[in-house]
C-alpha atoms as a PDB file:
ATOM      1  CA  UNK A   1     150.159 185.408  83.614  1.00  0.00           C
ATOM      2  CA  UNK A   2     151.380 186.484  80.166  1.00  0.00           C
ATOM      3  CA  UNK A   3     154.201 189.358  80.215  1.00  0.00           C
ATOM      4  CA  UNK A   4     156.890 189.956  77.288  1.00  0.00           C
ATOM      5  CA  UNK A   5     156.090 186.788  75.908  1.00  0.00           C
ATOM      6  CA  UNK A   6     156.687 184.553  78.809  1.00  0.00           C
ATOM      7  CA  UNK A   7     153.589 183.021  80.076  1.00  0.00           C
ATOM      8  CA  UNK A   8     153.973 181.794  83.698  1.00  0.00           C
ATOM      9  CA  UNK A   9     151.371 179.142  85.257  1.00  0.00           C
ATOM     10  CA  UNK A  10     151.643 178.794  89.089  1.00  0.00           C
ATOM     11  CA  UNK A  11     149.685 176.265  91.082  1.00  0.00           C
ATOM     12  CA  UNK A  12     149.437 176.436  95.067  1.00  0.00           C
ATOM     13  CA  UNK A  13     147.633 173.776  97.389  1.00  0.00           C
ATOM     14  CA  UNK A  14     147.730 173.976 101.088  1.00  0.00           C
ATOM     15  CA  UNK A  15     148.095 170.205 102.151  1.00  0.00           C
ATOM     16  CA  UNK A  16     150.543 168.167 103.392  1.00  0.00           C
ATOM     17  CA  UNK A  17     153.228 168.607 100.940  1.00  0.00           C
ATOM     18  CA  UNK A  18     155.542 166.176  99.563  1.00  0.00           C
ATOM     19  CA  UNK A  19     157.725 164.414 101.605  1.00  0.00           C
ATOM     20  CA  UNK A  20     160.931 165.425  99.695  1.00  0.00           C
ATOM     21  CA  UNK A  21     161.178 167.132  96.311  1.00  0.00           C
ATOM     22  CA  UNK A  22     164.055 165.346  94.318  1.00  0.00           C
ATOM     23  CA  UNK A  23     164.872 164.402  90.787  1.00  0.00           C
ATOM     24  CA  UNK A  24     163.040 161.112  91.439  1.00  0.00           C
ATOM     25  CA  UNK A  25     159.958 163.141  92.412  1.00  0.00           C
ATOM     26  CA  UNK A  26     156.792 161.373  91.073  1.00  0.00           C
ATOM     27  CA  UNK A  27     156.813 160.494  87.369  1.00  0.00           C
ATOM     28  CA  UNK A  28     153.919 163.370  86.788  1.00  0.00           C
ATOM     29  CA  UNK A  29     155.883 165.980  87.998  1.00  0.00           C
ATOM     30  CA  UNK A  30     159.209 164.845  86.011  1.00  0.00           C
ATOM     31  CA  UNK A  31     156.903 164.332  82.958  1.00  0.00           C
ATOM     32  CA  UNK A  32     155.612 168.143  83.470  1.00  0.00           C
ATOM     33  CA  UNK A  33     159.076 169.039  83.816  1.00  0.00           C
ATOM     34  CA  UNK A  34     160.458 167.388  80.734  1.00  0.00           C
ATOM     35  CA  UNK A  35     158.012 168.783  78.376  1.00  0.00           C
ATOM     36  CA  UNK A  36     158.195 172.562  79.552  1.00  0.00           C
ATOM     37  CA  UNK A  37     161.841 171.919  79.346  1.00  0.00           C
ATOM     38  CA  UNK A  38     161.436 170.924  75.861  1.00  0.00           C
ATOM     39  CA  UNK A  39     159.911 174.118  75.167  1.00  0.00           C
ATOM     40  CA  UNK A  40     162.844 176.063  76.255  1.00  0.00           C
ATOM     41  CA  UNK A  41     161.027 176.871  79.821  1.00  0.00           C
ATOM     42  CA  UNK A  42     161.640 176.232  83.653  1.00  0.00           C
ATOM     43  CA  UNK A  43     159.903 173.989  85.891  1.00  0.00           C
ATOM     44  CA  UNK A  44     159.886 174.523  89.848  1.00  0.00           C
ATOM     45  CA  UNK A  45     158.341 172.685  92.775  1.00  0.00           C
ATOM     46  CA  UNK A  46     158.669 174.021  96.438  1.00  0.00           C
ATOM     47  CA  UNK A  47     156.932 172.012  98.909  1.00  0.00           C
ATOM     48  CA  UNK A  48     157.574 171.604 102.830  1.00  0.00           C
ATOM     49  CA  UNK A  49     155.882 169.137 104.715  1.00  0.00           C
ATOM     50  CA  UNK A  50     152.558 170.663 106.166  1.00  0.00           C
ATOM     51  CA  UNK A  51     152.900 173.645 104.234  1.00  0.00           C
ATOM     52  CA  UNK A  52     151.771 172.853 100.864  1.00  0.00           C
ATOM     53  CA  UNK A  53     153.207 172.459  97.639  1.00  0.00           C
ATOM     54  CA  UNK A  54     153.721 175.281  94.921  1.00  0.00           C
ATOM     55  CA  UNK A  55     154.412 174.338  91.160  1.00  0.00           C
ATOM     56  CA  UNK A  56     155.598 177.342  88.956  1.00  0.00           C
ATOM     57  CA  UNK A  57     156.143 177.124  84.948  1.00  0.00           C
ATOM     58  CA  UNK A  58     157.581 179.806  83.105  1.00  0.00           C
ATOM     59  CA  UNK A  59     157.184 179.035  79.245  1.00  0.00           C
ATOM     60  CA  UNK A  60     158.556 181.425  76.566  1.00  0.00           C
ATOM     61  CA  UNK A  61     156.075 182.182  73.659  1.00  0.00           C
ATOM     62  CA  UNK A  62     157.199 182.960  70.143  1.00  0.00           C
ATOM     63  CA  UNK A  63     157.203 186.374  69.333  1.00  0.00           C
ATOM     64  CA  UNK A  64     154.318 187.181  66.801  1.00  0.00           C
ATOM     65  CA  UNK A  65     156.317 189.230  64.370  1.00  0.00           C
ATOM     66  CA  UNK A  66     158.934 186.477  64.128  1.00  0.00           C
ATOM     67  CA  UNK A  67     156.114 184.091  63.395  1.00  0.00           C
ATOM     68  CA  UNK A  68     154.979 185.916  60.246  1.00  0.00           C
ATOM     69  CA  UNK A  69     158.417 185.804  58.790  1.00  0.00           C
END
């Protein structure tokens, strides 16, 4: 979804969920979090056993008027 120059991406599954979401969670998720934060964005993981997992990334996009300057 794109709203007010903020791109929001959400991915959900209905699987087993991650056993525990911590700062030590898999390298792939940590890498995505680092890359999104480098863009001044935020990355969230919500997961509970047997309830699936939801990943949300919010990334601010440059204002097109600022780019023209």
